[in-house]
Structures are given as structure tokens and as C-alpha cells.
């Protein structure tokens, strides 16, 4: 009787060890799948960011060129000449409106 219980105890112990090993293997497989998915997501996000970099980089260059062009244009404006031209245009427009009103009466 003692031998039978010892053998049963050994069988149960071996079965428990095998069960733990199987659980460890299945846990590793599941963890490996999760890690693979995370790695894939990270890789895809890196690809997305590099793609956005390829798209945004030329736009940034265009914007910087546009800003340079605008600043050069603003620097080249002669304020006094522009003011005189605006006053002259306003005076001419006022005279045309006055003539039109006088001519229509």
C-alpha cells in the first residue's frame, strides 16, 4: 500500500511538473505573439512617421522659401513711394466720383 501511494504521488508530481511546463510553453507562445504584434505596430508607426517626414519636409522647404520671398518683398517696398501713390490714387478716384456726380445732375 505504501508503494502504491508513493508511485501515485510520483505520478501526480510528474503530471504537475508537465502541466506547469505546458503552461509555461503556452504562456511563452502567447507572450511571443503579443510581442510580435507590438513590434509590428512599432515598425508600422516608424514607417508612418518616416512617410510623414517625406511628405512634410518638402512642404516645410516650400514654406521657408515663401517666407523668405515675402520678407524680401517687404524689404523692397519703398514706403514713401507707396504712400504717395496711394494718396494720388485716392485723389484721382475722388475727382472721378465728383465729376460723375456733377455730370449726372
PDB file of N, CA and C in Angstrom:
ATOM      1  N   UNK A   1       0.809  -1.183   0.000  1.00  0.00           N
ATOM      2  CA  UNK A   1       0.000   0.000   0.000  1.00  0.00           C
ATOM      3  C   UNK A   1       0.862   1.261   0.000  1.00  0.00           C
ATOM      4  N   UNK A   2       1.925   1.243   0.747  1.00  0.00           N
ATOM      5  CA  UNK A   2       2.819   2.391   0.822  1.00  0.00           C
ATOM      6  C   UNK A   2       3.480   2.615  -0.529  1.00  0.00           C
ATOM      7  N   UNK A   3       3.818   1.516  -1.219  1.00  0.00           N
ATOM      8  CA  UNK A   3       4.457   1.640  -2.526  1.00  0.00           C
ATOM      9  C   UNK A   3       3.489   2.238  -3.541  1.00  0.00           C
ATOM     10  N   UNK A   4       2.217   1.848  -3.462  1.00  0.00           N
ATOM     11  CA  UNK A   4       1.223   2.365  -4.404  1.00  0.00           C
ATOM     12  C   UNK A   4       1.034   3.873  -4.192  1.00  0.00           C
ATOM     13  N   UNK A   5       0.942   4.305  -2.970  1.00  0.00           N
ATOM     14  CA  UNK A   5       0.776   5.738  -2.707  1.00  0.00           C
ATOM     15  C   UNK A   5       2.024   6.518  -3.113  1.00  0.00           C
ATOM     16  N   UNK A   6       3.199   5.915  -2.939  1.00  0.00           N
ATOM     17  CA  UNK A   6       4.442   6.579  -3.352  1.00  0.00           C
ATOM     18  C   UNK A   6       4.477   6.726  -4.869  1.00  0.00           C
ATOM     19  N   UNK A   7       4.057   5.670  -5.584  1.00  0.00           N
ATOM     20  CA  UNK A   7       4.034   5.719  -7.051  1.00  0.00           C
ATOM     21  C   UNK A   7       3.001   6.748  -7.521  1.00  0.00           C
ATOM     22  N   UNK A   8       1.810   6.735  -6.889  1.00  0.00           N
ATOM     23  CA  UNK A   8       0.779   7.710  -7.256  1.00  0.00           C
ATOM     24  C   UNK A   8       1.253   9.144  -6.988  1.00  0.00           C
ATOM     25  N   UNK A   9       1.926   9.314  -5.858  1.00  0.00           N
ATOM     26  CA  UNK A   9       2.445  10.640  -5.535  1.00  0.00           C
ATOM     27  C   UNK A   9       3.467  11.083  -6.577  1.00  0.00           C
ATOM     28  N   UNK A  10       4.350  10.164  -7.003  1.00  0.00           N
ATOM     29  CA  UNK A  10       5.339  10.482  -8.034  1.00  0.00           C
ATOM     30  C   UNK A  10       4.662  10.808  -9.371  1.00  0.00           C
ATOM     31  N   UNK A  11       3.616  10.039  -9.720  1.00  0.00           N
ATOM     32  CA  UNK A  11       2.892  10.282 -10.973  1.00  0.00           C
ATOM     33  C   UNK A  11       2.213  11.653 -10.932  1.00  0.00           C
ATOM     34  N   UNK A  12       1.598  11.959  -9.798  1.00  0.00           N
ATOM     35  CA  UNK A  12       0.935  13.259  -9.658  1.00  0.00           C
ATOM     36  C   UNK A  12       1.961  14.389  -9.718  1.00  0.00           C
ATOM     37  N   UNK A  13       3.112  14.185  -9.089  1.00  0.00           N
ATOM     38  CA  UNK A  13       4.171  15.191  -9.116  1.00  0.00           C
ATOM     39  C   UNK A  13       4.685  15.404 -10.537  1.00  0.00           C
ATOM     40  N   UNK A  14       4.912  14.304 -11.274  1.00  0.00           N
ATOM     41  CA  UNK A  14       5.380  14.393 -12.661  1.00  0.00           C
ATOM     42  C   UNK A  14       4.313  15.078 -13.531  1.00  0.00           C
ATOM     43  N   UNK A  15       3.045  14.705 -13.332  1.00  0.00           N
ATOM     44  CA  UNK A  15       1.961  15.321 -14.104  1.00  0.00           C
ATOM     45  C   UNK A  15       1.888  16.820 -13.810  1.00  0.00           C
ATOM     46  N   UNK A  16       2.071  17.190 -12.553  1.00  0.00           N
ATOM     47  CA  UNK A  16       2.047  18.600 -12.183  1.00  0.00           C
ATOM     48  C   UNK A  16       3.195  19.358 -12.844  1.00  0.00           C
ATOM     49  N   UNK A  17       4.383  18.746 -12.853  1.00  0.00           N
ATOM     50  CA  UNK A  17       5.546  19.377 -13.492  1.00  0.00           C
ATOM     51  C   UNK A  17       5.315  19.523 -14.997  1.00  0.00           C
ATOM     52  N   UNK A  18       4.757  18.475 -15.631  1.00  0.00           N
ATOM     53  CA  UNK A  18       4.463  18.533 -17.067  1.00  0.00           C
ATOM     54  C   UNK A  18       3.421  19.615 -17.346  1.00  0.00           C
ATOM     55  N   UNK A  19       2.403  19.693 -16.482  1.00  0.00           N
ATOM     56  CA  UNK A  19       1.372  20.715 -16.641  1.00  0.00           C
ATOM     57  C   UNK A  19       1.968  22.119 -16.523  1.00  0.00           C
ATOM     58  N   UNK A  20       2.838  22.319 -15.534  1.00  0.00           N
ATOM     59  CA  UNK A  20       3.493  23.620 -15.391  1.00  0.00           C
ATOM     60  C   UNK A  20       4.359  23.949 -16.605  1.00  0.00           C
ATOM     61  N   UNK A  21       5.076  22.931 -17.122  1.00  0.00           N
ATOM     62  CA  UNK A  21       5.906  23.150 -18.310  1.00  0.00           C
ATOM     63  C   UNK A  21       5.038  23.514 -19.511  1.00  0.00           C
ATOM     64  N   UNK A  22       3.905  22.814 -19.670  1.00  0.00           N
ATOM     65  CA  UNK A  22       2.993  23.107 -20.781  1.00  0.00           C
ATOM     66  C   UNK A  22       2.432  24.521 -20.651  1.00  0.00           C
ATOM     67  N   UNK A  23       2.040  24.900 -19.431  1.00  0.00           N
ATOM     68  CA  UNK A  23       1.547  26.259 -19.219  1.00  0.00           C
ATOM     69  C   UNK A  23       2.622  27.302 -19.520  1.00  0.00           C
ATOM     70  N   UNK A  24       3.860  26.989 -19.139  1.00  0.00           N
ATOM     71  CA  UNK A  24       4.957  27.916 -19.422  1.00  0.00           C
ATOM     72  C   UNK A  24       5.169  28.060 -20.931  1.00  0.00           C
ATOM     73  N   UNK A  25       5.106  26.934 -21.663  1.00  0.00           N
ATOM     74  CA  UNK A  25       5.285  26.976 -23.120  1.00  0.00           C
ATOM     75  C   UNK A  25       4.149  27.763 -23.769  1.00  0.00           C
ATOM     76  N   UNK A  26       2.904  27.476 -23.367  1.00  0.00           N
ATOM     77  CA  UNK A  26       1.769  28.204 -23.938  1.00  0.00           C
ATOM     78  C   UNK A  26       1.821  29.696 -23.581  1.00  0.00           C
ATOM     79  N   UNK A  27       2.229  29.979 -22.359  1.00  0.00           N
ATOM     80  CA  UNK A  27       2.385  31.383 -21.960  1.00  0.00           C
ATOM     81  C   UNK A  27       3.456  32.076 -22.784  1.00  0.00           C
ATOM     82  N   UNK A  28       4.566  31.375 -23.037  1.00  0.00           N
ATOM     83  CA  UNK A  28       5.635  31.940 -23.856  1.00  0.00           C
ATOM     84  C   UNK A  28       5.150  32.185 -25.280  1.00  0.00           C
ATOM     85  N   UNK A  29       4.396  31.212 -25.827  1.00  0.00           N
ATOM     86  CA  UNK A  29       3.879  31.370 -27.193  1.00  0.00           C
ATOM     87  C   UNK A  29       2.940  32.572 -27.266  1.00  0.00           C
ATOM     88  N   UNK A  30       2.046  32.675 -26.300  1.00  0.00           N
ATOM     89  CA  UNK A  30       1.105  33.809 -26.285  1.00  0.00           C
ATOM     90  C   UNK A  30       1.863  35.126 -26.111  1.00  0.00           C
ATOM     91  N   UNK A  31       2.831  35.152 -25.195  1.00  0.00           N
ATOM     92  CA  UNK A  31       3.630  36.350 -24.975  1.00  0.00           C
ATOM     93  C   UNK A  31       4.421  36.701 -26.228  1.00  0.00           C
ATOM     94  N   UNK A  32       4.939  35.685 -26.910  1.00  0.00           N
ATOM     95  CA  UNK A  32       5.690  35.916 -28.138  1.00  0.00           C
ATOM     96  C   UNK A  32       4.790  36.534 -29.208  1.00  0.00           C
ATOM     97  N   UNK A  33       3.535  36.054 -29.300  1.00  0.00           N
ATOM     98  CA  UNK A  33       2.592  36.636 -30.266  1.00  0.00           C
ATOM     99  C   UNK A  33       2.324  38.095 -29.934  1.00  0.00           C
ATOM    100  N   UNK A  34       2.133  38.391 -28.654  1.00  0.00           N
ATOM    101  CA  UNK A  34       1.869  39.770 -28.236  1.00  0.00           C
ATOM    102  C   UNK A  34       3.073  40.654 -28.547  1.00  0.00           C
ATOM    103  N   UNK A  35       4.262  40.152 -28.239  1.00  0.00           N
ATOM    104  CA  UNK A  35       5.478  40.925 -28.507  1.00  0.00           C
ATOM    105  C   UNK A  35       5.643  41.147 -30.004  1.00  0.00           C
ATOM    106  N   UNK A  36       5.331  40.130 -30.812  1.00  0.00           N
ATOM    107  CA  UNK A  36       5.422  40.267 -32.264  1.00  0.00           C
ATOM    108  C   UNK A  36       4.449  41.328 -32.767  1.00  0.00           C
ATOM    109  N   UNK A  37       3.224  41.331 -32.229  1.00  0.00           N
ATOM    110  CA  UNK A  37       2.246  42.347 -32.636  1.00  0.00           C
ATOM    111  C   UNK A  37       2.711  43.744 -32.239  1.00  0.00           C
ATOM    112  N   UNK A  38       3.244  43.870 -31.034  1.00  0.00           N
ATOM    113  CA  UNK A  38       3.740  45.173 -30.584  1.00  0.00           C
ATOM    114  C   UNK A  38       4.895  45.627 -31.466  1.00  0.00           C
ATOM    115  N   UNK A  39       5.794  44.697 -31.788  1.00  0.00           N
ATOM    116  CA  UNK A  39       6.921  45.020 -32.657  1.00  0.00           C
ATOM    117  C   UNK A  39       6.432  45.465 -34.030  1.00  0.00           C
ATOM    118  N   UNK A  40       5.418  44.775 -34.543  1.00  0.00           N
ATOM    119  CA  UNK A  40       4.845  45.145 -35.838  1.00  0.00           C
ATOM    120  C   UNK A  40       4.217  46.534 -35.782  1.00  0.00           C
ATOM    121  N   UNK A  41       3.501  46.826 -34.688  1.00  0.00           N
ATOM    122  CA  UNK A  41       2.908  48.158 -34.538  1.00  0.00           C
ATOM    123  C   UNK A  41       3.976  49.245 -34.476  1.00  0.00           C
ATOM    124  N   UNK A  42       5.050  48.974 -33.739  1.00  0.00           N
ATOM    125  CA  UNK A  42       6.135  49.949 -33.639  1.00  0.00           C
ATOM    126  C   UNK A  42       6.768  50.166 -35.008  1.00  0.00           C
ATOM    127  N   UNK A  43       6.993  49.077 -35.731  1.00  0.00           N
ATOM    128  CA  UNK A  43       7.593  49.186 -37.063  1.00  0.00           C
ATOM    129  C   UNK A  43       6.682  49.968 -38.007  1.00  0.00           C
ATOM    130  N   UNK A  44       5.379  49.683 -37.953  1.00  0.00           N
ATOM    131  CA  UNK A  44       4.439  50.408 -38.811  1.00  0.00           C
ATOM    132  C   UNK A  44       4.376  51.881 -38.442  1.00  0.00           C
ATOM    133  N   UNK A  45       4.429  52.184 -37.146  1.00  0.00           N
ATOM    134  CA  UNK A  45       4.394  53.596 -36.749  1.00  0.00           C
ATOM    135  C   UNK A  45       5.671  54.306 -37.193  1.00  0.00           C
ATOM    136  N   UNK A  46       6.803  53.595 -37.143  1.00  0.00           N
ATOM    137  CA  UNK A  46       8.044  54.199 -37.628  1.00  0.00           C
ATOM    138  C   UNK A  46       7.957  54.463 -39.128  1.00  0.00           C
ATOM    139  N   UNK A  47       7.368  53.516 -39.865  1.00  0.00           N
ATOM    140  CA  UNK A  47       7.183  53.726 -41.305  1.00  0.00           C
ATOM    141  C   UNK A  47       6.260  54.908 -41.560  1.00  0.00           C
ATOM    142  N   UNK A  48       5.209  55.011 -40.756  1.00  0.00           N
ATOM    143  CA  UNK A  48       4.270  56.121 -40.917  1.00  0.00           C
ATOM    144  C   UNK A  48       4.957  57.453 -40.647  1.00  0.00           C
ATOM    145  N   UNK A  49       5.757  57.512 -39.587  1.00  0.00           N
ATOM    146  CA  UNK A  49       6.445  58.758 -39.274  1.00  0.00           C
ATOM    147  C   UNK A  49       7.458  59.118 -40.351  1.00  0.00           C
ATOM    148  N   UNK A  50       8.159  58.109 -40.895  1.00  0.00           N
ATOM    149  CA  UNK A  50       9.108  58.417 -41.963  1.00  0.00           C
ATOM    150  C   UNK A  50       8.375  58.883 -43.212  1.00  0.00           C
ATOM    151  N   UNK A  51       7.198  58.281 -43.492  1.00  0.00           N
ATOM    152  CA  UNK A  51       6.393  58.730 -44.627  1.00  0.00           C
ATOM    153  C   UNK A  51       5.934  60.168 -44.419  1.00  0.00           C
ATOM    154  N   UNK A  52       5.468  60.475 -43.215  1.00  0.00           N
ATOM    155  CA  UNK A  52       5.073  61.852 -42.916  1.00  0.00           C
ATOM    156  C   UNK A  52       6.261  62.803 -43.055  1.00  0.00           C
ATOM    157  N   UNK A  53       7.437  62.334 -42.679  1.00  0.00           N
ATOM    158  CA  UNK A  53       8.638  63.154 -42.843  1.00  0.00           C
ATOM    159  C   UNK A  53       8.919  63.447 -44.300  1.00  0.00           C
ATOM    160  N   UNK A  54       8.744  62.430 -45.169  1.00  0.00           N
ATOM    161  CA  UNK A  54       8.943  62.647 -46.600  1.00  0.00           C
ATOM    162  C   UNK A  54       7.917  63.622 -47.161  1.00  0.00           C
ATOM    163  N   UNK A  55       6.705  63.599 -46.612  1.00  0.00           N
ATOM    164  CA  UNK A  55       5.655  64.496 -47.104  1.00  0.00           C
ATOM    165  C   UNK A  55       5.848  65.903 -46.552  1.00  0.00           C
ATOM    166  N   UNK A  56       6.159  66.015 -45.272  1.00  0.00           N
ATOM    167  CA  UNK A  56       6.229  67.321 -44.616  1.00  0.00           C
ATOM    168  C   UNK A  56       7.513  68.070 -44.972  1.00  0.00           C
ATOM    169  N   UNK A  57       8.592  67.358 -45.210  1.00  0.00           N
ATOM    170  CA  UNK A  57       9.865  68.008 -45.485  1.00  0.00           C
ATOM    171  C   UNK A  57       9.796  68.951 -46.692  1.00  0.00           C
ATOM    172  N   UNK A  58       9.252  68.520 -47.848  1.00  0.00           N
ATOM    173  CA  UNK A  58       9.142  69.476 -48.962  1.00  0.00           C
ATOM    174  C   UNK A  58       8.205  70.637 -48.654  1.00  0.00           C
ATOM    175  N   UNK A  59       7.125  70.357 -47.925  1.00  0.00           N
ATOM    176  CA  UNK A  59       6.196  71.428 -47.559  1.00  0.00           C
ATOM    177  C   UNK A  59       6.914  72.455 -46.686  1.00  0.00           C
ATOM    178  N   UNK A  60       7.741  71.975 -45.771  1.00  0.00           N
ATOM    179  CA  UNK A  60       8.496  72.870 -44.905  1.00  0.00           C
ATOM    180  C   UNK A  60       9.455  73.720 -45.732  1.00  0.00           C
ATOM    181  N   UNK A  61      10.095  73.104 -46.731  1.00  0.00           N
ATOM    182  CA  UNK A  61      11.001  73.862 -47.598  1.00  0.00           C
ATOM    183  C   UNK A  61      10.230  74.911 -48.382  1.00  0.00           C
ATOM    184  N   UNK A  62       9.047  74.529 -48.883  1.00  0.00           N
ATOM    185  CA  UNK A  62       8.217  75.488 -49.619  1.00  0.00           C
ATOM    186  C   UNK A  62       7.836  76.646 -48.707  1.00  0.00           C
ATOM    187  N   UNK A  63       7.430  76.327 -47.491  1.00  0.00           N
ATOM    188  CA  UNK A  63       7.043  77.379 -46.553  1.00  0.00           C
ATOM    189  C   UNK A  63       8.210  78.303 -46.243  1.00  0.00           C
ATOM    190  N   UNK A  64       9.396  77.740 -46.053  1.00  0.00           N
ATOM    191  CA  UNK A  64      10.542  78.591 -45.745  1.00  0.00           C
ATOM    192  C   UNK A  64      10.900  79.453 -46.951  1.00  0.00           C
ATOM    193  N   UNK A  65      10.770  78.901 -48.169  1.00  0.00           N
ATOM    194  CA  UNK A  65      11.033  79.703 -49.363  1.00  0.00           C
ATOM    195  C   UNK A  65       9.999  80.813 -49.496  1.00  0.00           C
ATOM    196  N   UNK A  66       8.749  80.498 -49.202  1.00  0.00           N
ATOM    197  CA  UNK A  66       7.686  81.507 -49.273  1.00  0.00           C
ATOM    198  C   UNK A  66       7.931  82.616 -48.269  1.00  0.00           C
ATOM    199  N   UNK A  67       8.306  82.238 -47.060  1.00  0.00           N
ATOM    200  CA  UNK A  67       8.580  83.242 -46.021  1.00  0.00           C
ATOM    201  C   UNK A  67       9.756  84.119 -46.435  1.00  0.00           C
ATOM    202  N   UNK A  68      10.806  83.504 -47.000  1.00  0.00           N
ATOM    203  CA  UNK A  68      11.942  84.293 -47.477  1.00  0.00           C
ATOM    204  C   UNK A  68      11.514  85.262 -48.570  1.00  0.00           C
ATOM    205  N   UNK A  69      10.676  84.791 -49.495  1.00  0.00           N
ATOM    206  CA  UNK A  69      10.198  85.646 -50.584  1.00  0.00           C
ATOM    207  C   UNK A  69       9.386  86.819 -50.044  1.00  0.00           C
ATOM    208  N   UNK A  70       8.508  86.531 -49.089  1.00  0.00           N
ATOM    209  CA  UNK A  70       7.676  87.598 -48.511  1.00  0.00           C
ATOM    210  C   UNK A  70       8.542  88.623 -47.789  1.00  0.00           C
ATOM    211  N   UNK A  71       9.518  88.162 -47.018  1.00  0.00           N
ATOM    212  CA  UNK A  71      10.366  89.117 -46.293  1.00  0.00           C
ATOM    213  C   UNK A  71      11.195  89.948 -47.263  1.00  0.00           C
ATOM    214  N   UNK A  72      11.687  89.333 -48.338  1.00  0.00           N
ATOM    215  CA  UNK A  72      12.431  90.107 -49.337  1.00  0.00           C
ATOM    216  C   UNK A  72      11.520  91.130 -50.004  1.00  0.00           C
ATOM    217  N   UNK A  73      10.287  90.711 -50.295  1.00  0.00           N
ATOM    218  CA  UNK A  73       9.337  91.638 -50.923  1.00  0.00           C
ATOM    219  C   UNK A  73       9.017  92.797 -49.995  1.00  0.00           C
ATOM    220  N   UNK A  74       8.823  92.505 -48.722  1.00  0.00           N
ATOM    221  CA  UNK A  74       8.516  93.568 -47.768  1.00  0.00           C
ATOM    222  C   UNK A  74       9.690  94.526 -47.599  1.00  0.00           C
ATOM    223  N   UNK A  75      10.896  93.993 -47.648  1.00  0.00           N
ATOM    224  CA  UNK A  75      12.071  94.854 -47.506  1.00  0.00           C
ATOM    225  C   UNK A  75      12.236  95.759 -48.722  1.00  0.00           C
ATOM    226  N   UNK A  76      11.794  95.277 -49.892  1.00  0.00           N
ATOM    227  CA  UNK A  76      11.992  96.058 -51.111  1.00  0.00           C
ATOM    228  C   UNK A  76      10.915  97.119 -51.320  1.00  0.00           C
ATOM    229  N   UNK A  77       9.884  97.138 -50.484  1.00  0.00           N
ATOM    230  CA  UNK A  77       8.814  98.131 -50.637  1.00  0.00           C
ATOM    231  C   UNK A  77       9.322  99.489 -50.154  1.00  0.00           C
ATOM    232  N   UNK A  78       9.159 100.483 -51.009  1.00  0.00           N
ATOM    233  CA  UNK A  78       9.501 101.853 -50.638  1.00  0.00           C
ATOM    234  C   UNK A  78       8.243 102.478 -50.046  1.00  0.00           C
ATOM    235  N   UNK A  79       8.252 102.707 -48.757  1.00  0.00           N
ATOM    236  CA  UNK A  79       7.057 103.165 -48.050  1.00  0.00           C
ATOM    237  C   UNK A  79       6.642 104.556 -48.522  1.00  0.00           C
ATOM    238  N   UNK A  80       7.599 105.447 -48.706  1.00  0.00           N
ATOM    239  CA  UNK A  80       7.263 106.814 -49.136  1.00  0.00           C
ATOM    240  C   UNK A  80       6.609 106.806 -50.513  1.00  0.00           C
ATOM    241  N   UNK A  81       7.197 106.039 -51.429  1.00  0.00           N
ATOM    242  CA  UNK A  81       6.642 105.968 -52.782  1.00  0.00           C
ATOM    243  C   UNK A  81       5.247 105.347 -52.756  1.00  0.00           C
ATOM    244  N   UNK A  82       5.070 104.302 -51.952  1.00  0.00           N
ATOM    245  CA  UNK A  82       3.762 103.655 -51.861  1.00  0.00           C
ATOM    246  C   UNK A  82       2.725 104.604 -51.267  1.00  0.00           C
ATOM    247  N   UNK A  83       3.129 105.409 -50.282  1.00  0.00           N
ATOM    248  CA  UNK A  83       2.205 106.371 -49.673  1.00  0.00           C
ATOM    249  C   UNK A  83       1.798 107.442 -50.679  1.00  0.00           C
ATOM    250  N   UNK A  84       2.768 107.967 -51.432  1.00  0.00           N
ATOM    251  CA  UNK A  84       2.461 108.983 -52.446  1.00  0.00           C
ATOM    252  C   UNK A  84       1.527 108.420 -53.508  1.00  0.00           C
ATOM    253  N   UNK A  85       1.796 107.191 -53.951  1.00  0.00           N
ATOM    254  CA  UNK A  85       0.950 106.565 -54.971  1.00  0.00           C
ATOM    255  C   UNK A  85      -0.458 106.357 -54.444  1.00  0.00           C
ATOM    256  N   UNK A  86      -0.581 105.932 -53.197  1.00  0.00           N
ATOM    257  CA  UNK A  86      -1.910 105.717 -52.610  1.00  0.00           C
ATOM    258  C   UNK A  86      -2.674 107.034 -52.501  1.00  0.00           C
ATOM    259  N   UNK A  87      -1.987 108.111 -52.089  1.00  0.00           N
ATOM    260  CA  UNK A  87      -2.650 109.421 -51.987  1.00  0.00           C
ATOM    261  C   UNK A  87      -3.093 109.909 -53.359  1.00  0.00           C
ATOM    262  N   UNK A  88      -2.219 109.737 -54.354  1.00  0.00           N
ATOM    263  CA  UNK A  88      -2.547 110.168 -55.707  1.00  0.00           C
ATOM    264  C   UNK A  88      -3.737 109.381 -56.250  1.00  0.00           C
ATOM    265  N   UNK A  89      -3.759 108.084 -56.003  1.00  0.00           N
ATOM    266  CA  UNK A  89      -4.863 107.244 -56.471  1.00  0.00           C
ATOM    267  C   UNK A  89      -6.163 107.637 -55.785  1.00  0.00           C
ATOM    268  N   UNK A  90      -6.095 107.907 -54.500  1.00  0.00           N
ATOM    269  CA  UNK A  90      -7.290 108.329 -53.761  1.00  0.00           C
ATOM    270  C   UNK A  90      -7.810 109.656 -54.306  1.00  0.00           C
ATOM    271  N   UNK A  91      -6.892 110.593 -54.571  1.00  0.00           N
ATOM    272  CA  UNK A  91      -7.278 111.903 -55.099  1.00  0.00           C
ATOM    273  C   UNK A  91      -7.922 111.750 -56.474  1.00  0.00           C
ATOM    274  N   UNK A  92      -7.331 110.917 -57.322  1.00  0.00           N
ATOM    275  CA  UNK A  92      -7.871 110.689 -58.661  1.00  0.00           C
ATOM    276  C   UNK A  92      -9.248 110.050 -58.583  1.00  0.00           C
ATOM    277  N   UNK A  93      -9.405 109.078 -57.709  1.00  0.00           N
ATOM    278  CA  UNK A  93     -10.701 108.405 -57.570  1.00  0.00           C
ATOM    279  C   UNK A  93     -11.755 109.371 -57.054  1.00  0.00           C
ATOM    280  N   UNK A  94     -11.374 110.231 -56.118  1.00  0.00           N
ATOM    281  CA  UNK A  94     -12.317 111.218 -55.582  1.00  0.00           C
ATOM    282  C   UNK A  94     -12.752 112.191 -56.675  1.00  0.00           C
ATOM    283  N   UNK A  95     -11.799 112.638 -57.485  1.00  0.00           N
ATOM    284  CA  UNK A  95     -12.127 113.552 -58.584  1.00  0.00           C
ATOM    285  C   UNK A  95     -13.052 112.889 -59.597  1.00  0.00           C
ATOM    286  N   UNK A  96     -12.808 111.630 -59.914  1.00  0.00           N
ATOM    287  CA  UNK A  96     -13.662 110.912 -60.869  1.00  0.00           C
ATOM    288  C   UNK A  96     -15.078 110.782 -60.330  1.00  0.00           C
ATOM    289  N   UNK A  97     -15.202 110.485 -59.040  1.00  0.00           N
ATOM    290  CA  UNK A  97     -16.533 110.356 -58.430  1.00  0.00           C
ATOM    291  C   UNK A  97     -17.247 111.706 -58.458  1.00  0.00           C
ATOM    292  N   UNK A  98     -16.517 112.795 -58.146  1.00  0.00           N
ATOM    293  CA  UNK A  98     -17.113 114.131 -58.140  1.00  0.00           C
ATOM    294  C   UNK A  98     -17.565 114.520 -59.545  1.00  0.00           C
ATOM    295  N   UNK A  99     -16.732 114.247 -60.550  1.00  0.00           N
ATOM    296  CA  UNK A  99     -17.090 114.559 -61.932  1.00  0.00           C
ATOM    297  C   UNK A  99     -18.320 113.774 -62.364  1.00  0.00           C
ATOM    298  N   UNK A 100     -18.363 112.522 -61.949  1.00  0.00           N
ATOM    299  CA  UNK A 100     -19.500 111.673 -62.320  1.00  0.00           C
ATOM    300  C   UNK A 100     -20.787 112.214 -61.702  1.00  0.00           C
ATOM    301  N   UNK A 101     -20.706 112.642 -60.433  1.00  0.00           N
ATOM    302  CA  UNK A 101     -21.893 113.197 -59.762  1.00  0.00           C
ATOM    303  C   UNK A 101     -22.324 114.500 -60.439  1.00  0.00           C
ATOM    304  N   UNK A 102     -21.377 115.358 -60.749  1.00  0.00           N
ATOM    305  CA  UNK A 102     -21.697 116.637 -61.392  1.00  0.00           C
ATOM    306  C   UNK A 102     -22.229 116.424 -62.805  1.00  0.00           C
ATOM    307  N   UNK A 103     -21.696 115.438 -63.500  1.00  0.00           N
ATOM    308  CA  UNK A 103     -22.141 115.166 -64.866  1.00  0.00           C
ATOM    309  C   UNK A 103     -23.513 114.546 -64.912  1.00  0.00           C
ATOM    310  N   UNK A 104     -23.884 113.800 -63.897  1.00  0.00           N
ATOM    311  CA  UNK A 104     -25.191 113.137 -63.898  1.00  0.00           C
ATOM    312  C   UNK A 104     -26.312 114.068 -63.503  1.00  0.00           C
ATOM    313  N   UNK A 105     -26.004 115.222 -62.881  1.00  0.00           N
ATOM    314  CA  UNK A 105     -27.048 116.165 -62.434  1.00  0.00           C
ATOM    315  C   UNK A 105     -27.546 116.915 -63.563  1.00  0.00           C
TER     316      UNK A 105
END
